[in-house]
Protein backbone atom coordinates (compact mmCIF):
# COMPACT_ATOMS: atom_id res chain seq x y z
CA THR A 1 80.20 163.63 183.60
CA GLY A 2 82.52 165.68 181.44
CA GLY A 3 80.08 168.53 181.06
CA GLN A 4 80.35 168.60 177.26
CA HIS A 5 77.31 167.83 175.17
CA SER A 6 76.62 168.01 171.45
CA GLU A 7 73.28 168.97 170.01
CA LEU A 8 71.67 166.92 167.25
CA ARG A 9 68.73 168.33 165.31
CA ILE A 10 66.62 166.10 163.06
CA LYS A 11 63.71 167.28 160.96
CA LYS A 12 60.58 165.43 161.95
CA ASN A 13 58.06 164.23 159.40
CA SER A 14 54.95 166.34 158.93
CA PRO A 15 51.76 164.97 160.48
CA GLY A 16 50.38 162.16 158.32
CA ARG A 17 53.62 161.82 156.34
CA HIS A 18 56.43 159.31 156.41
CA ARG A 19 59.62 158.68 154.45
CA ARG A 20 58.00 156.15 152.15
CA CYS A 21 55.49 158.28 150.26
CA THR A 22 54.71 157.37 146.68
CA ARG A 23 55.42 160.22 144.30
CA ILE A 24 52.41 162.26 143.20
CA GLU A 25 53.15 161.46 139.52
CA ALA A 26 52.56 157.75 140.17
CA ILE A 27 49.35 158.41 142.09
CA GLU A 28 48.12 160.68 139.28
CA VAL A 29 48.72 157.92 136.69
CA ILE A 30 46.79 155.47 138.89
CA ARG A 31 44.00 158.04 139.30
CA GLN A 32 43.69 158.56 135.53
CA MET A 33 43.69 154.83 134.76
CA ALA A 34 41.58 153.60 137.70
CA GLY A 35 38.24 152.12 136.71
CA LYS A 36 39.21 151.85 133.04
CA PHE A 37 42.10 149.39 133.28
CA GLN A 38 42.99 146.36 135.37
CA ASP A 39 45.55 146.76 138.16
CA GLU A 40 47.98 144.58 136.19
CA GLN A 41 47.81 146.97 133.21
CA ILE A 42 48.27 149.98 135.50
CA ALA A 43 51.34 148.34 137.07
CA ALA A 44 52.85 147.66 133.63
CA THR A 45 52.29 151.29 132.61
CA LEU A 46 53.88 152.62 135.81
CA ASN A 47 56.88 150.33 135.28
CA ARG A 48 57.26 151.44 131.64
CA LEU A 49 57.24 155.05 132.83
CA GLY A 50 59.99 154.22 135.33
CA LEU A 51 57.94 155.26 138.37
CA LEU A 52 58.62 153.43 141.64
CA THR A 53 56.61 152.80 144.79
CA GLY A 54 57.29 154.79 147.94
CA THR A 55 59.71 152.09 149.07
CA GLY A 56 61.63 152.20 145.79
CA GLN A 57 60.21 148.98 144.34
CA THR A 58 58.67 148.30 140.96
CA TRP A 59 54.91 148.11 140.67
CA SER A 60 52.91 144.89 140.85
CA GLU A 61 49.21 144.17 140.71
CA SER A 62 48.96 144.00 144.52
CA ARG A 63 50.90 147.25 144.99
CA VAL A 64 48.59 149.07 142.58
CA TYR A 65 45.60 147.58 144.39
CA SER A 66 46.97 148.84 147.70
CA ALA A 67 47.60 152.37 146.38
CA ARG A 68 44.22 152.47 144.62
CA HIS A 69 42.46 151.26 147.77
CA TYR A 70 44.32 153.76 150.01
CA HIS A 71 43.38 156.69 147.75
CA GLN A 72 39.81 155.36 147.34
CA LEU A 73 40.00 155.09 143.56
CA PRO A 74 37.50 153.00 141.58
CA VAL A 75 38.08 149.35 140.72
CA TYR A 76 38.17 148.12 137.11
CA ASP A 77 34.72 147.52 135.63
CA PRO A 78 34.71 145.10 132.68
CA ASN A 79 31.20 146.26 131.69
CA ARG A 80 32.35 149.85 131.11
CA THR A 81 31.15 150.26 127.53
CA ALA A 82 29.27 153.38 128.61
CA ASP A 83 32.30 155.54 127.86
CA GLY A 84 32.21 154.35 124.24
CA MET A 85 35.82 153.13 124.16
CA VAL A 86 37.41 149.72 123.60
CA THR A 87 40.97 148.53 124.08
CA MET A 88 43.29 147.72 121.21
CA GLU A 89 42.85 143.98 121.85
CA GLU A 90 39.04 144.29 121.87
CA ALA A 91 39.15 146.29 118.62
CA ALA A 92 41.41 143.67 117.03
CA GLN A 93 39.05 140.88 118.04
CA HIS A 94 36.01 142.80 116.78
CA LEU A 95 37.63 143.51 113.38
CA GLY A 96 39.30 140.11 113.02
CA VAL A 97 42.87 141.43 112.73
CA SER A 98 45.91 141.43 115.01
CA SER A 99 46.60 144.07 117.63
CA THR A 100 49.77 144.92 115.66
CA SER A 101 47.58 145.85 112.70
CA ILE A 102 45.45 148.05 114.96
CA ARG A 103 48.59 149.75 116.30
CA ARG A 104 49.80 150.35 112.73
CA MET A 105 46.44 151.86 111.73
CA ILE A 106 46.62 154.21 114.72
CA LYS A 107 50.18 155.20 113.83
CA LEU A 108 49.21 155.86 110.20
CA LYS A 109 46.18 157.90 111.39
CA LYS A 110 43.69 155.54 109.70
CA MET A 111 42.04 154.89 113.07
CA PRO A 112 41.68 157.27 116.01
CA GLY A 113 43.19 156.15 119.28
CA ILE A 114 44.07 157.81 122.58
CA GLN A 115 46.20 156.97 125.57
CA VAL A 116 45.34 158.20 129.06
CA VAL A 117 49.06 158.75 129.69
CA ALA A 118 52.14 157.88 127.67
CA CYS A 119 52.84 154.12 127.69
CA ALA A 120 49.24 153.35 128.69
CA PRO A 121 47.13 150.93 126.64
CA TRP A 122 45.40 152.46 123.62
CA GLN A 123 41.68 153.23 123.74
CA ILE A 124 39.66 153.36 120.53
CA PRO A 125 36.17 154.85 120.08
CA ILE A 126 33.60 152.16 119.26
CA GLU A 127 32.07 154.23 116.44
CA ALA A 128 35.50 154.40 114.75
CA LEU A 129 35.38 150.62 114.24
CA GLU A 130 32.38 151.03 111.94
CA SER A 131 33.77 153.89 109.83
CA GLU A 132 34.36 153.33 106.12
CA GLY A 133 38.05 154.25 106.31
CA VAL A 134 38.71 151.63 108.97
CA ARG A 135 36.67 149.00 107.09
CA LYS A 136 38.69 149.70 103.93
CA ALA A 137 41.99 149.43 105.84
CA VAL A 138 40.86 146.12 107.37
CA ARG A 139 39.91 144.77 103.93
CA ASN A 140 43.38 145.70 102.65
CA ILE A 141 45.02 143.99 105.62
CA LYS A 142 43.01 140.82 105.12
CA ALA A 143 43.74 140.87 101.37
CA ARG A 144 47.43 141.41 102.22
CA ALA A 145 47.48 144.54 100.07
CA ARG A 146 50.24 146.71 101.45
CA ALA A 147 51.70 150.02 100.44
CA PRO A 148 55.37 149.92 99.52
CA ARG A 149 57.65 150.53 102.50
CA THR A 150 60.29 152.37 100.48
CA GLN A 151 59.98 155.72 98.79
CA GLY A 152 59.84 156.07 95.03
CA SER A 153 63.15 156.68 93.28
CA GLU A 154 62.20 160.28 92.52
CA GLN A 155 61.79 160.96 96.26
CA GLN A 156 65.01 159.29 97.37
CA GLN A 157 68.24 161.17 97.79
CA ALA A 158 71.41 159.77 96.35
CA MET A 159 73.71 158.20 98.90
CA PHE A 160 76.76 159.36 96.93
CA PRO A 161 75.95 162.65 95.20
CA MET A 162 77.32 163.11 91.72
CA VAL A 163 80.10 165.66 91.62
């Protein structure tokens, strides 16, 4: 009745889009891990990376399932030995050592291991489990033969240099 009006402009969402879209980085991690890892492992990796769902929540097994299903990504196949890789836990069971020992061997470059993305579970080539270097490292672990954790005195620097 007063004749004065104010104009309000709001940007509309693009067709097929909404405010609650999951970031492309999270979808890419799911895409790289789908089929090779269980949804629970994918959720743990996404959470370790600090990626959130489109609604700002942390990842769970059901949320990964929903995203994987929406993007038509493959489901985990436990009989996937065709790619020639095993998980760290499977390698530990096969060699009769702990997964911590496997992780240490990977860190010391005594065993090859790859991760699909950072923070993802390690994958180890099956043929690496039969190599002589790995067998020798496993024998040393089982015999409790360890290399010294400290450097030799000739390699150490003095804490208080002589003046």
